[in-house]
Amino acid sequence: MVLIDSMSDRQRQVDELFHAVRERNAEDRAKFLDAACGDDAELRREVDTRLSRASGPNGIPDSPAWDTAQISAGVEMGPYLIEASLGAGGMGSVYRALDTRLKRTVAVKVLAEGVADAAGRR
């Protein structure tokens, strides 16, 4: 097993496994992760956590899963890695994030609880 020296290398490893396992059917996922993660229990936990959050289309959960008070740099939201807060207002909060699939900077808006309840606004 190769040790990962930097967080960016570790994040890249998690990203690659996450996307590879999502391409497999549910029956093959566990077997694939067992082989890919080997004895690295922390890697397996990180990938499993990310998979559990990716329940909706394109890896975005169908319902609000984040309390804006808990969002900060380093938090993963589906395929997005939060880098910084850009601002907040009556409709919600906006964050600068890295789209880990496309490797580019994006803005992620998290709607306020009362606003997020309306399906048309999501």
PDB file of N, CA and C in Angstrom:
ATOM      1  N   MET A   1       0.857  -1.175   0.000  1.00  0.00           N
ATOM      2  CA  MET A   1       0.000   0.000   0.000  1.00  0.00           C
ATOM      3  C   MET A   1       0.900   1.234   0.000  1.00  0.00           C
ATOM      4  N   VAL A   2       0.610   2.184  -0.870  1.00  0.00           N
ATOM      5  CA  VAL A   2       1.382   3.415  -0.988  1.00  0.00           C
ATOM      6  C   VAL A   2       0.847   4.443   0.004  1.00  0.00           C
ATOM      7  N   LEU A   3       1.740   5.076   0.744  1.00  0.00           N
ATOM      8  CA  LEU A   3       1.327   6.128   1.665  1.00  0.00           C
ATOM      9  C   LEU A   3       1.135   7.425   0.902  1.00  0.00           C
ATOM     10  N   ILE A   4       0.126   8.186   1.285  1.00  0.00           N
ATOM     11  CA  ILE A   4      -0.161   9.456   0.641  1.00  0.00           C
ATOM     12  C   ILE A   4       0.434  10.566   1.505  1.00  0.00           C
ATOM     13  N   ASP A   5       1.317  11.395   0.896  1.00  0.00           N
ATOM     14  CA  ASP A   5       2.032  12.413   1.649  1.00  0.00           C
ATOM     15  C   ASP A   5       1.275  13.714   1.811  1.00  0.00           C
ATOM     16  N   SER A   6       0.459  14.084   0.868  1.00  0.00           N
ATOM     17  CA  SER A   6      -0.217  15.372   0.979  1.00  0.00           C
ATOM     18  C   SER A   6      -1.719  15.195   0.885  1.00  0.00           C
ATOM     19  N   MET A   7      -2.443  16.192   1.404  1.00  0.00           N
ATOM     20  CA  MET A   7      -3.891  16.133   1.394  1.00  0.00           C
ATOM     21  C   MET A   7      -4.428  16.127  -0.031  1.00  0.00           C
ATOM     22  N   SER A   8      -3.799  16.860  -0.940  1.00  0.00           N
ATOM     23  CA  SER A   8      -4.302  16.878  -2.311  1.00  0.00           C
ATOM     24  C   SER A   8      -4.170  15.499  -2.962  1.00  0.00           C
ATOM     25  N   ASP A   9      -3.098  14.788  -2.678  1.00  0.00           N
ATOM     26  CA  ASP A   9      -2.950  13.433  -3.202  1.00  0.00           C
ATOM     27  C   ASP A   9      -4.009  12.511  -2.600  1.00  0.00           C
ATOM     28  N   ARG A  10      -4.270  12.675  -1.320  1.00  0.00           N
ATOM     29  CA  ARG A  10      -5.270  11.851  -0.646  1.00  0.00           C
ATOM     30  C   ARG A  10      -6.661  12.142  -1.213  1.00  0.00           C
ATOM     31  N   GLN A  11      -6.954  13.428  -1.403  1.00  0.00           N
ATOM     32  CA  GLN A  11      -8.246  13.812  -1.952  1.00  0.00           C
ATOM     33  C   GLN A  11      -8.417  13.259  -3.359  1.00  0.00           C
ATOM     34  N   ARG A  12      -7.367  13.300  -4.138  1.00  0.00           N
ATOM     35  CA  ARG A  12      -7.408  12.762  -5.501  1.00  0.00           C
ATOM     36  C   ARG A  12      -7.679  11.254  -5.456  1.00  0.00           C
ATOM     37  N   GLN A  13      -7.054  10.568  -4.516  1.00  0.00           N
ATOM     38  CA  GLN A  13      -7.262   9.123  -4.375  1.00  0.00           C
ATOM     39  C   GLN A  13      -8.717   8.825  -4.006  1.00  0.00           C
ATOM     40  N   VAL A  14      -9.269   9.588  -3.063  1.00  0.00           N
ATOM     41  CA  VAL A  14     -10.672   9.409  -2.667  1.00  0.00           C
ATOM     42  C   VAL A  14     -11.582   9.684  -3.866  1.00  0.00           C
ATOM     43  N   ASP A  15     -11.297  10.773  -4.596  1.00  0.00           N
ATOM     44  CA  ASP A  15     -12.105  11.123  -5.770  1.00  0.00           C
ATOM     45  C   ASP A  15     -12.112  10.000  -6.799  1.00  0.00           C
ATOM     46  N   GLU A  16     -10.949   9.473  -7.093  1.00  0.00           N
ATOM     47  CA  GLU A  16     -10.841   8.418  -8.103  1.00  0.00           C
ATOM     48  C   GLU A  16     -11.616   7.171  -7.684  1.00  0.00           C
ATOM     49  N   LEU A  17     -11.477   6.779  -6.426  1.00  0.00           N
ATOM     50  CA  LEU A  17     -12.205   5.607  -5.944  1.00  0.00           C
ATOM     51  C   LEU A  17     -13.710   5.856  -5.928  1.00  0.00           C
ATOM     52  N   PHE A  18     -14.093   7.041  -5.493  1.00  0.00           N
ATOM     53  CA  PHE A  18     -15.512   7.407  -5.443  1.00  0.00           C
ATOM     54  C   PHE A  18     -16.148   7.262  -6.824  1.00  0.00           C
ATOM     55  N   HIS A  19     -15.518   7.846  -7.827  1.00  0.00           N
ATOM     56  CA  HIS A  19     -16.084   7.799  -9.174  1.00  0.00           C
ATOM     57  C   HIS A  19     -16.017   6.389  -9.762  1.00  0.00           C
ATOM     58  N   ALA A  20     -14.960   5.651  -9.457  1.00  0.00           N
ATOM     59  CA  ALA A  20     -14.834   4.279  -9.957  1.00  0.00           C
ATOM     60  C   ALA A  20     -15.896   3.370  -9.348  1.00  0.00           C
ATOM     61  N   VAL A  21     -16.161   3.521  -8.066  1.00  0.00           N
ATOM     62  CA  VAL A  21     -17.133   2.641  -7.413  1.00  0.00           C
ATOM     63  C   VAL A  21     -18.558   2.981  -7.841  1.00  0.00           C
ATOM     64  N   ARG A  22     -18.842   4.245  -8.151  1.00  0.00           N
ATOM     65  CA  ARG A  22     -20.182   4.631  -8.577  1.00  0.00           C
ATOM     66  C   ARG A  22     -20.521   4.057  -9.956  1.00  0.00           C
ATOM     67  N   GLU A  23     -19.511   3.685 -10.722  1.00  0.00           N
ATOM     68  CA  GLU A  23     -19.739   3.090 -12.040  1.00  0.00           C
ATOM     69  C   GLU A  23     -20.122   1.614 -11.939  1.00  0.00           C
ATOM     70  N   ARG A  24     -19.980   1.041 -10.752  1.00  0.00           N
ATOM     71  CA  ARG A  24     -20.266  -0.377 -10.562  1.00  0.00           C
ATOM     72  C   ARG A  24     -21.665  -0.564  -9.978  1.00  0.00           C
ATOM     73  N   ASN A  25     -22.224  -1.756 -10.196  1.00  0.00           N
ATOM     74  CA  ASN A  25     -23.535  -2.019  -9.601  1.00  0.00           C
ATOM     75  C   ASN A  25     -23.367  -2.264  -8.106  1.00  0.00           C
ATOM     76  N   ALA A  26     -24.452  -2.176  -7.384  1.00  0.00           N
ATOM     77  CA  ALA A  26     -24.426  -2.269  -5.921  1.00  0.00           C
ATOM     78  C   ALA A  26     -23.777  -3.556  -5.421  1.00  0.00           C
ATOM     79  N   GLU A  27     -23.971  -4.652  -6.132  1.00  0.00           N
ATOM     80  CA  GLU A  27     -23.419  -5.944  -5.713  1.00  0.00           C
ATOM     81  C   GLU A  27     -21.891  -5.969  -5.776  1.00  0.00           C
ATOM     82  N   ASP A  28     -21.316  -5.242  -6.736  1.00  0.00           N
ATOM     83  CA  ASP A  28     -19.860  -5.266  -6.922  1.00  0.00           C
ATOM     84  C   ASP A  28     -19.106  -4.193  -6.134  1.00  0.00           C
ATOM     85  N   ARG A  29     -19.827  -3.215  -5.588  1.00  0.00           N
ATOM     86  CA  ARG A  29     -19.160  -2.087  -4.934  1.00  0.00           C
ATOM     87  C   ARG A  29     -18.300  -2.501  -3.734  1.00  0.00           C
ATOM     88  N   ALA A  30     -18.861  -3.296  -2.849  1.00  0.00           N
ATOM     89  CA  ALA A  30     -18.128  -3.676  -1.639  1.00  0.00           C
ATOM     90  C   ALA A  30     -16.864  -4.461  -1.981  1.00  0.00           C
ATOM     91  N   LYS A  31     -16.988  -5.398  -2.899  1.00  0.00           N
ATOM     92  CA  LYS A  31     -15.839  -6.206  -3.305  1.00  0.00           C
ATOM     93  C   LYS A  31     -14.753  -5.323  -3.926  1.00  0.00           C
ATOM     94  N   PHE A  32     -15.178  -4.390  -4.787  1.00  0.00           N
ATOM     95  CA  PHE A  32     -14.229  -3.463  -5.410  1.00  0.00           C
ATOM     96  C   PHE A  32     -13.512  -2.627  -4.356  1.00  0.00           C
ATOM     97  N   LEU A  33     -14.268  -2.062  -3.397  1.00  0.00           N
ATOM     98  CA  LEU A  33     -13.656  -1.225  -2.360  1.00  0.00           C
ATOM     99  C   LEU A  33     -12.744  -2.032  -1.444  1.00  0.00           C
ATOM    100  N   ASP A  34     -13.119  -3.256  -1.130  1.00  0.00           N
ATOM    101  CA  ASP A  34     -12.248  -4.113  -0.313  1.00  0.00           C
ATOM    102  C   ASP A  34     -10.884  -4.267  -0.980  1.00  0.00           C
ATOM    103  N   ALA A  35     -10.900  -4.531  -2.282  1.00  0.00           N
ATOM    104  CA  ALA A  35      -9.642  -4.721  -3.015  1.00  0.00           C
ATOM    105  C   ALA A  35      -8.886  -3.406  -3.175  1.00  0.00           C
ATOM    106  N   ALA A  36      -9.585  -2.334  -3.500  1.00  0.00           N
ATOM    107  CA  ALA A  36      -8.936  -1.049  -3.768  1.00  0.00           C
ATOM    108  C   ALA A  36      -8.363  -0.396  -2.515  1.00  0.00           C
ATOM    109  N   CYS A  37      -9.032  -0.548  -1.388  1.00  0.00           N
ATOM    110  CA  CYS A  37      -8.583   0.105  -0.153  1.00  0.00           C
ATOM    111  C   CYS A  37      -7.627  -0.763   0.655  1.00  0.00           C
ATOM    112  N   GLY A  38      -7.679  -2.058   0.460  1.00  0.00           N
ATOM    113  CA  GLY A  38      -6.784  -2.946   1.200  1.00  0.00           C
ATOM    114  C   GLY A  38      -6.921  -2.747   2.702  1.00  0.00           C
ATOM    115  N   ASP A  39      -5.796  -2.515   3.373  1.00  0.00           N
ATOM    116  CA  ASP A  39      -5.784  -2.339   4.828  1.00  0.00           C
ATOM    117  C   ASP A  39      -6.009  -0.891   5.259  1.00  0.00           C
ATOM    118  N   ASP A  40      -6.245   0.007   4.311  1.00  0.00           N
ATOM    119  CA  ASP A  40      -6.414   1.429   4.624  1.00  0.00           C
ATOM    120  C   ASP A  40      -7.861   1.705   5.032  1.00  0.00           C
ATOM    121  N   ALA A  41      -8.173   1.471   6.304  1.00  0.00           N
ATOM    122  CA  ALA A  41      -9.542   1.634   6.808  1.00  0.00           C
ATOM    123  C   ALA A  41     -10.018   3.079   6.703  1.00  0.00           C
ATOM    124  N   GLU A  42      -9.114   4.023   6.879  1.00  0.00           N
ATOM    125  CA  GLU A  42      -9.489   5.439   6.796  1.00  0.00           C
ATOM    126  C   GLU A  42      -9.905   5.798   5.367  1.00  0.00           C
ATOM    127  N   LEU A  43      -9.203   5.289   4.384  1.00  0.00           N
ATOM    128  CA  LEU A  43      -9.562   5.525   2.983  1.00  0.00           C
ATOM    129  C   LEU A  43     -10.954   4.954   2.709  1.00  0.00           C
ATOM    130  N   ARG A  44     -11.200   3.748   3.166  1.00  0.00           N
ATOM    131  CA  ARG A  44     -12.510   3.119   2.974  1.00  0.00           C
ATOM    132  C   ARG A  44     -13.602   3.952   3.626  1.00  0.00           C
ATOM    133  N   ARG A  45     -13.347   4.458   4.829  1.00  0.00           N
ATOM    134  CA  ARG A  45     -14.336   5.288   5.532  1.00  0.00           C
ATOM    135  C   ARG A  45     -14.625   6.571   4.752  1.00  0.00           C
ATOM    136  N   GLU A  46     -13.568   7.206   4.218  1.00  0.00           N
ATOM    137  CA  GLU A  46     -13.756   8.447   3.459  1.00  0.00           C
ATOM    138  C   GLU A  46     -14.595   8.204   2.208  1.00  0.00           C
ATOM    139  N   VAL A  47     -14.315   7.122   1.504  1.00  0.00           N
ATOM    140  CA  VAL A  47     -15.076   6.814   0.286  1.00  0.00           C
ATOM    141  C   VAL A  47     -16.512   6.450   0.648  1.00  0.00           C
ATOM    142  N   ASP A  48     -16.701   5.633   1.679  1.00  0.00           N
ATOM    143  CA  ASP A  48     -18.050   5.256   2.110  1.00  0.00           C
ATOM    144  C   ASP A  48     -18.857   6.477   2.528  1.00  0.00           C
ATOM    145  N   THR A  49     -18.233   7.403   3.248  1.00  0.00           N
ATOM    146  CA  THR A  49     -18.914   8.628   3.670  1.00  0.00           C
ATOM    147  C   THR A  49     -19.355   9.434   2.461  1.00  0.00           C
ATOM    148  N   ARG A  50     -18.471   9.558   1.510  1.00  0.00           N
ATOM    149  CA  ARG A  50     -18.804  10.324   0.304  1.00  0.00           C
ATOM    150  C   ARG A  50     -19.923   9.643  -0.474  1.00  0.00           C
ATOM    151  N   LEU A  51     -19.897   8.325  -0.549  1.00  0.00           N
ATOM    152  CA  LEU A  51     -20.960   7.591  -1.238  1.00  0.00           C
ATOM    153  C   LEU A  51     -22.308   7.782  -0.546  1.00  0.00           C
ATOM    154  N   SER A  52     -22.304   7.796   0.769  1.00  0.00           N
ATOM    155  CA  SER A  52     -23.562   7.947   1.496  1.00  0.00           C
ATOM    156  C   SER A  52     -24.172   9.329   1.282  1.00  0.00           C
ATOM    157  N   ARG A  53     -23.338  10.322   1.005  1.00  0.00           N
ATOM    158  CA  ARG A  53     -23.844  11.678   0.751  1.00  0.00           C
ATOM    159  C   ARG A  53     -24.336  11.846  -0.675  1.00  0.00           C
ATOM    160  N   ALA A  54     -23.906  10.993  -1.560  1.00  0.00           N
ATOM    161  CA  ALA A  54     -24.208  11.144  -2.986  1.00  0.00           C
ATOM    162  C   ALA A  54     -25.447  10.344  -3.364  1.00  0.00           C
ATOM    163  N   SER A  55     -26.593  10.782  -2.907  1.00  0.00           N
ATOM    164  CA  SER A  55     -27.798   9.993  -3.120  1.00  0.00           C
ATOM    165  C   SER A  55     -28.662  10.475  -4.275  1.00  0.00           C
ATOM    166  N   GLY A  56     -28.448  11.682  -4.752  1.00  0.00           N
ATOM    167  CA  GLY A  56     -29.300  12.229  -5.811  1.00  0.00           C
ATOM    168  C   GLY A  56     -28.597  12.254  -7.148  1.00  0.00           C
ATOM    169  N   PRO A  57     -29.239  12.882  -8.146  1.00  0.00           N
ATOM    170  CA  PRO A  57     -28.643  12.974  -9.475  1.00  0.00           C
ATOM    171  C   PRO A  57     -27.307  13.711  -9.430  1.00  0.00           C
ATOM    172  N   ASN A  58     -26.357  13.246 -10.186  1.00  0.00           N
ATOM    173  CA  ASN A  58     -25.032  13.871 -10.282  1.00  0.00           C
ATOM    174  C   ASN A  58     -24.298  13.926  -8.948  1.00  0.00           C
ATOM    175  N   GLY A  59     -24.673  13.058  -8.021  1.00  0.00           N
ATOM    176  CA  GLY A  59     -23.986  13.030  -6.745  1.00  0.00           C
ATOM    177  C   GLY A  59     -24.441  14.084  -5.766  1.00  0.00           C
ATOM    178  N   ILE A  60     -25.504  14.791  -6.057  1.00  0.00           N
ATOM    179  CA  ILE A  60     -26.023  15.811  -5.158  1.00  0.00           C
ATOM    180  C   ILE A  60     -27.224  15.224  -4.427  1.00  0.00           C
ATOM    181  N   PRO A  61     -27.214  15.267  -3.099  1.00  0.00           N
ATOM    182  CA  PRO A  61     -28.347  14.714  -2.357  1.00  0.00           C
ATOM    183  C   PRO A  61     -29.669  15.362  -2.767  1.00  0.00           C
ATOM    184  N   ASP A  62     -30.749  14.592  -2.710  1.00  0.00           N
ATOM    185  CA  ASP A  62     -32.064  15.084  -3.086  1.00  0.00           C
ATOM    186  C   ASP A  62     -32.645  16.066  -2.082  1.00  0.00           C
ATOM    187  N   SER A  63     -32.256  15.961  -0.854  1.00  0.00           N
ATOM    188  CA  SER A  63     -32.789  16.861   0.164  1.00  0.00           C
ATOM    189  C   SER A  63     -31.636  17.574   0.850  1.00  0.00           C
ATOM    190  N   PRO A  64     -31.917  18.725   1.456  1.00  0.00           N
ATOM    191  CA  PRO A  64     -30.846  19.455   2.132  1.00  0.00           C
ATOM    192  C   PRO A  64     -30.203  18.575   3.199  1.00  0.00           C
ATOM    193  N   ALA A  65     -28.882  18.506   3.189  1.00  0.00           N
ATOM    194  CA  ALA A  65     -28.176  17.643   4.131  1.00  0.00           C
ATOM    195  C   ALA A  65     -27.195  18.428   4.979  1.00  0.00           C
ATOM    196  N   TRP A  66     -27.100  19.727   4.751  1.00  0.00           N
ATOM    197  CA  TRP A  66     -26.092  20.504   5.445  1.00  0.00           C
ATOM    198  C   TRP A  66     -26.702  21.677   6.182  1.00  0.00           C
ATOM    199  N   ASP A  67     -26.288  21.850   7.405  1.00  0.00           N
ATOM    200  CA  ASP A  67     -26.601  23.026   8.194  1.00  0.00           C
ATOM    201  C   ASP A  67     -25.506  24.031   7.848  1.00  0.00           C
ATOM    202  N   THR A  68     -25.866  25.227   7.413  1.00  0.00           N
ATOM    203  CA  THR A  68     -24.847  26.189   6.981  1.00  0.00           C
ATOM    204  C   THR A  68     -23.838  26.490   8.077  1.00  0.00           C
ATOM    205  N   ALA A  69     -24.203  26.307   9.328  1.00  0.00           N
ATOM    206  CA  ALA A  69     -23.255  26.539  10.426  1.00  0.00           C
ATOM    207  C   ALA A  69     -22.140  25.495  10.412  1.00  0.00           C
ATOM    208  N   GLN A  70     -22.366  24.357   9.773  1.00  0.00           N
ATOM    209  CA  GLN A  70     -21.375  23.283   9.739  1.00  0.00           C
ATOM    210  C   GLN A  70     -20.523  23.303   8.474  1.00  0.00           C
ATOM    211  N   ILE A  71     -20.800  24.224   7.560  1.00  0.00           N
ATOM    212  CA  ILE A  71     -20.057  24.278   6.305  1.00  0.00           C
ATOM    213  C   ILE A  71     -18.853  25.191   6.463  1.00  0.00           C
ATOM    214  N   SER A  72     -17.689  24.649   6.165  1.00  0.00           N
ATOM    215  CA  SER A  72     -16.452  25.420   6.236  1.00  0.00           C
ATOM    216  C   SER A  72     -15.447  24.805   5.275  1.00  0.00           C
ATOM    217  N   ALA A  73     -14.295  25.435   5.153  1.00  0.00           N
ATOM    218  CA  ALA A  73     -13.256  24.927   4.245  1.00  0.00           C
ATOM    219  C   ALA A  73     -12.951  23.470   4.577  1.00  0.00           C
ATOM    220  N   GLY A  74     -12.886  22.642   3.536  1.00  0.00           N
ATOM    221  CA  GLY A  74     -12.561  21.229   3.696  1.00  0.00           C
ATOM    222  C   GLY A  74     -13.769  20.310   3.734  1.00  0.00           C
ATOM    223  N   VAL A  75     -14.974  20.866   3.876  1.00  0.00           N
ATOM    224  CA  VAL A  75     -16.192  20.051   3.904  1.00  0.00           C
ATOM    225  C   VAL A  75     -16.545  19.641   2.485  1.00  0.00           C
ATOM    226  N   GLU A  76     -16.929  18.382   2.301  1.00  0.00           N
ATOM    227  CA  GLU A  76     -17.343  17.877   0.993  1.00  0.00           C
ATOM    228  C   GLU A  76     -18.857  17.906   0.902  1.00  0.00           C
ATOM    229  N   MET A  77     -19.349  18.405  -0.216  1.00  0.00           N
ATOM    230  CA  MET A  77     -20.787  18.424  -0.495  1.00  0.00           C
ATOM    231  C   MET A  77     -20.962  17.746  -1.843  1.00  0.00           C
ATOM    232  N   GLY A  78     -21.286  16.455  -1.817  1.00  0.00           N
ATOM    233  CA  GLY A  78     -21.324  15.717  -3.071  1.00  0.00           C
ATOM    234  C   GLY A  78     -19.943  15.761  -3.702  1.00  0.00           C
ATOM    235  N   PRO A  79     -19.856  16.137  -4.970  1.00  0.00           N
ATOM    236  CA  PRO A  79     -18.550  16.187  -5.638  1.00  0.00           C
ATOM    237  C   PRO A  79     -17.796  17.499  -5.406  1.00  0.00           C
ATOM    238  N   TYR A  80     -18.341  18.373  -4.550  1.00  0.00           N
ATOM    239  CA  TYR A  80     -17.737  19.686  -4.332  1.00  0.00           C
ATOM    240  C   TYR A  80     -16.988  19.744  -3.007  1.00  0.00           C
ATOM    241  N   LEU A  81     -15.769  20.268  -3.054  1.00  0.00           N
ATOM    242  CA  LEU A  81     -14.956  20.450  -1.863  1.00  0.00           C
ATOM    243  C   LEU A  81     -14.956  21.940  -1.544  1.00  0.00           C
ATOM    244  N   ILE A  82     -15.554  22.319  -0.427  1.00  0.00           N
ATOM    245  CA  ILE A  82     -15.686  23.727  -0.049  1.00  0.00           C
ATOM    246  C   ILE A  82     -14.315  24.313   0.273  1.00  0.00           C
ATOM    247  N   GLU A  83     -14.045  25.492  -0.296  1.00  0.00           N
ATOM    248  CA  GLU A  83     -12.772  26.185  -0.066  1.00  0.00           C
ATOM    249  C   GLU A  83     -12.944  27.419   0.822  1.00  0.00           C
ATOM    250  N   ALA A  84     -14.049  28.175   0.640  1.00  0.00           N
ATOM    251  CA  ALA A  84     -14.246  29.399   1.423  1.00  0.00           C
ATOM    252  C   ALA A  84     -15.684  29.883   1.280  1.00  0.00           C
ATOM    253  N   SER A  85     -16.123  30.665   2.264  1.00  0.00           N
ATOM    254  CA  SER A  85     -17.421  31.317   2.194  1.00  0.00           C
ATOM    255  C   SER A  85     -17.280  32.594   1.370  1.00  0.00           C
ATOM    256  N   LEU A  86     -18.239  32.836   0.472  1.00  0.00           N
ATOM    257  CA  LEU A  86     -18.215  34.055  -0.335  1.00  0.00           C
ATOM    258  C   LEU A  86     -19.227  35.074   0.154  1.00  0.00           C
ATOM    259  N   GLY A  87     -20.285  34.619   0.829  1.00  0.00           N
ATOM    260  CA  GLY A  87     -21.284  35.552   1.331  1.00  0.00           C
ATOM    261  C   GLY A  87     -22.564  34.842   1.693  1.00  0.00           C
ATOM    262  N   ALA A  88     -23.472  35.593   2.332  1.00  0.00           N
ATOM    263  CA  ALA A  88     -24.747  35.030   2.763  1.00  0.00           C
ATOM    264  C   ALA A  88     -25.810  36.115   2.698  1.00  0.00           C
ATOM    265  N   GLY A  89     -27.054  35.689   2.503  1.00  0.00           N
ATOM    266  CA  GLY A  89     -28.182  36.616   2.446  1.00  0.00           C
ATOM    267  C   GLY A  89     -29.449  35.897   2.816  1.00  0.00           C
ATOM    268  N   GLY A  90     -30.571  36.500   2.507  1.00  0.00           N
ATOM    269  CA  GLY A  90     -31.866  35.953   2.881  1.00  0.00           C
ATOM    270  C   GLY A  90     -32.202  34.627   2.219  1.00  0.00           C
ATOM    271  N   MET A  91     -31.668  34.379   1.023  1.00  0.00           N
ATOM    272  CA  MET A  91     -31.972  33.134   0.305  1.00  0.00           C
ATOM    273  C   MET A  91     -31.038  31.993   0.685  1.00  0.00           C
ATOM    274  N   GLY A  92     -29.848  32.310   1.212  1.00  0.00           N
ATOM    275  CA  GLY A  92     -28.901  31.262   1.556  1.00  0.00           C
ATOM    276  C   GLY A  92     -27.481  31.773   1.611  1.00  0.00           C
ATOM    277  N   SER A  93     -26.538  30.845   1.489  1.00  0.00           N
ATOM    278  CA  SER A  93     -25.116  31.163   1.553  1.00  0.00           C
ATOM    279  C   SER A  93     -24.429  30.670   0.290  1.00  0.00           C
ATOM    280  N   VAL A  94     -23.355  31.371  -0.109  1.00  0.00           N
ATOM    281  CA  VAL A  94     -22.609  31.000  -1.311  1.00  0.00           C
ATOM    282  C   VAL A  94     -21.170  30.706  -0.916  1.00  0.00           C
ATOM    283  N   TYR A  95     -20.626  29.623  -1.488  1.00  0.00           N
ATOM    284  CA  TYR A  95     -19.271  29.179  -1.173  1.00  0.00           C
ATOM    285  C   TYR A  95     -18.461  28.988  -2.438  1.00  0.00           C
ATOM    286  N   ARG A  96     -17.166  29.282  -2.355  1.00  0.00           N
ATOM    287  CA  ARG A  96     -16.240  28.908  -3.428  1.00  0.00           C
ATOM    288  C   ARG A  96     -15.867  27.456  -3.160  1.00  0.00           C
ATOM    289  N   ALA A  97     -15.903  26.633  -4.214  1.00  0.00           N
ATOM    290  CA  ALA A  97     -15.629  25.213  -4.039  1.00  0.00           C
ATOM    291  C   ALA A  97     -14.875  24.682  -5.246  1.00  0.00           C
ATOM    292  N   LEU A  98     -14.283  23.519  -5.068  1.00  0.00           N
ATOM    293  CA  LEU A  98     -13.620  22.808  -6.149  1.00  0.00           C
ATOM    294  C   LEU A  98     -14.542  21.688  -6.605  1.00  0.00           C
ATOM    295  N   ASP A  99     -14.879  21.672  -7.892  1.00  0.00           N
ATOM    296  CA  ASP A  99     -15.616  20.558  -8.464  1.00  0.00           C
ATOM    297  C   ASP A  99     -14.585  19.459  -8.678  1.00  0.00           C
ATOM    298  N   THR A 100     -14.623  18.417  -7.862  1.00  0.00           N
ATOM    299  CA  THR A 100     -13.584  17.383  -7.888  1.00  0.00           C
ATOM    300  C   THR A 100     -13.656  16.511  -9.135  1.00  0.00           C
ATOM    301  N   ARG A 101     -14.788  16.513  -9.833  1.00  0.00           N
ATOM    302  CA  ARG A 101     -14.895  15.734 -11.065  1.00  0.00           C
ATOM    303  C   ARG A 101     -14.234  16.466 -12.223  1.00  0.00           C
ATOM    304  N   LEU A 102     -14.508  17.769 -12.325  1.00  0.00           N
ATOM    305  CA  LEU A 102     -14.019  18.556 -13.453  1.00  0.00           C
ATOM    306  C   LEU A 102     -12.759  19.345 -13.131  1.00  0.00           C
ATOM    307  N   LYS A 103     -12.340  19.301 -11.857  1.00  0.00           N
ATOM    308  CA  LYS A 103     -11.109  19.985 -11.428  1.00  0.00           C
ATOM    309  C   LYS A 103     -11.149  21.474 -11.759  1.00  0.00           C
ATOM    310  N   ARG A 104     -12.256  22.126 -11.384  1.00  0.00           N
ATOM    311  CA  ARG A 104     -12.367  23.569 -11.609  1.00  0.00           C
ATOM    312  C   ARG A 104     -13.090  24.224 -10.438  1.00  0.00           C
ATOM    313  N   THR A 105     -12.879  25.520 -10.290  1.00  0.00           N
ATOM    314  CA  THR A 105     -13.510  26.279  -9.223  1.00  0.00           C
ATOM    315  C   THR A 105     -14.943  26.615  -9.613  1.00  0.00           C
ATOM    316  N   VAL A 106     -15.858  26.464  -8.653  1.00  0.00           N
ATOM    317  CA  VAL A 106     -17.270  26.750  -8.873  1.00  0.00           C
ATOM    318  C   VAL A 106     -17.824  27.508  -7.666  1.00  0.00           C
ATOM    319  N   ALA A 107     -19.010  28.054  -7.827  1.00  0.00           N
ATOM    320  CA  ALA A 107     -19.743  28.639  -6.705  1.00  0.00           C
ATOM    321  C   ALA A 107     -20.861  27.668  -6.346  1.00  0.00           C
ATOM    322  N   VAL A 108     -21.022  27.413  -5.059  1.00  0.00           N
ATOM    323  CA  VAL A 108     -22.080  26.528  -4.577  1.00  0.00           C
ATOM    324  C   VAL A 108     -22.990  27.363  -3.682  1.00  0.00           C
ATOM    325  N   LYS A 109     -24.276  27.389  -4.007  1.00  0.00           N
ATOM    326  CA  LYS A 109     -25.236  28.111  -3.181  1.00  0.00           C
ATOM    327  C   LYS A 109     -26.031  27.105  -2.368  1.00  0.00           C
ATOM    328  N   VAL A 110     -26.064  27.323  -1.065  1.00  0.00           N
ATOM    329  CA  VAL A 110     -26.834  26.482  -0.159  1.00  0.00           C
ATOM    330  C   VAL A 110     -28.031  27.313   0.275  1.00  0.00           C
ATOM    331  N   LEU A 111     -29.217  26.860  -0.103  1.00  0.00           N
ATOM    332  CA  LEU A 111     -30.422  27.605   0.218  1.00  0.00           C
ATOM    333  C   LEU A 111     -30.736  27.542   1.700  1.00  0.00           C
ATOM    334  N   ALA A 112     -31.291  28.622   2.219  1.00  0.00           N
ATOM    335  CA  ALA A 112     -31.724  28.666   3.617  1.00  0.00           C
ATOM    336  C   ALA A 112     -32.824  27.630   3.816  1.00  0.00           C
ATOM    337  N   GLU A 113     -32.988  27.162   5.045  1.00  0.00           N
ATOM    338  CA  GLU A 113     -33.918  26.070   5.329  1.00  0.00           C
ATOM    339  C   GLU A 113     -35.324  26.328   4.801  1.00  0.00           C
ATOM    340  N   GLY A 114     -35.889  27.464   5.031  1.00  0.00           N
ATOM    341  CA  GLY A 114     -37.246  27.761   4.563  1.00  0.00           C
ATOM    342  C   GLY A 114     -37.341  27.855   3.055  1.00  0.00           C
ATOM    343  N   VAL A 115     -36.270  28.282   2.418  1.00  0.00           N
ATOM    344  CA  VAL A 115     -36.244  28.418   0.967  1.00  0.00           C
ATOM    345  C   VAL A 115     -36.048  27.050   0.311  1.00  0.00           C
ATOM    346  N   ALA A 116     -35.227  26.212   0.902  1.00  0.00           N
ATOM    347  CA  ALA A 116     -34.903  24.908   0.326  1.00  0.00           C
ATOM    348  C   ALA A 116     -36.082  23.948   0.317  1.00  0.00           C
ATOM    349  N   ASP A 117     -37.107  24.239   1.108  1.00  0.00           N
ATOM    350  CA  ASP A 117     -38.278  23.356   1.159  1.00  0.00           C
ATOM    351  C   ASP A 117     -39.072  23.365  -0.141  1.00  0.00           C
ATOM    352  N   ALA A 118     -38.969  24.425  -0.930  1.00  0.00           N
ATOM    353  CA  ALA A 118     -39.706  24.520  -2.188  1.00  0.00           C
ATOM    354  C   ALA A 118     -38.941  23.815  -3.298  1.00  0.00           C
ATOM    355  N   ALA A 119     -39.466  22.728  -3.830  1.00  0.00           N
ATOM    356  CA  ALA A 119     -38.773  21.933  -4.837  1.00  0.00           C
ATOM    357  C   ALA A 119     -38.373  22.764  -6.046  1.00  0.00           C
ATOM    358  N   GLY A 120     -39.183  23.717  -6.447  1.00  0.00           N
ATOM    359  CA  GLY A 120     -38.878  24.558  -7.593  1.00  0.00           C
ATOM    360  C   GLY A 120     -37.648  25.433  -7.394  1.00  0.00           C
ATOM    361  N   ARG A 121     -37.309  25.722  -6.185  1.00  0.00           N
ATOM    362  CA  ARG A 121     -36.151  26.559  -5.889  1.00  0.00           C
ATOM    363  C   ARG A 121     -34.857  25.755  -5.870  1.00  0.00           C
ATOM    364  N   ARG A 122     -34.957  24.448  -5.655  1.00  0.00           N
ATOM    365  CA  ARG A 122     -33.766  23.615  -5.651  1.00  0.00           C
ATOM    366  C   ARG A 122     -33.316  23.388  -7.060  1.00  0.00           C
TER     367      ARG A 122
END
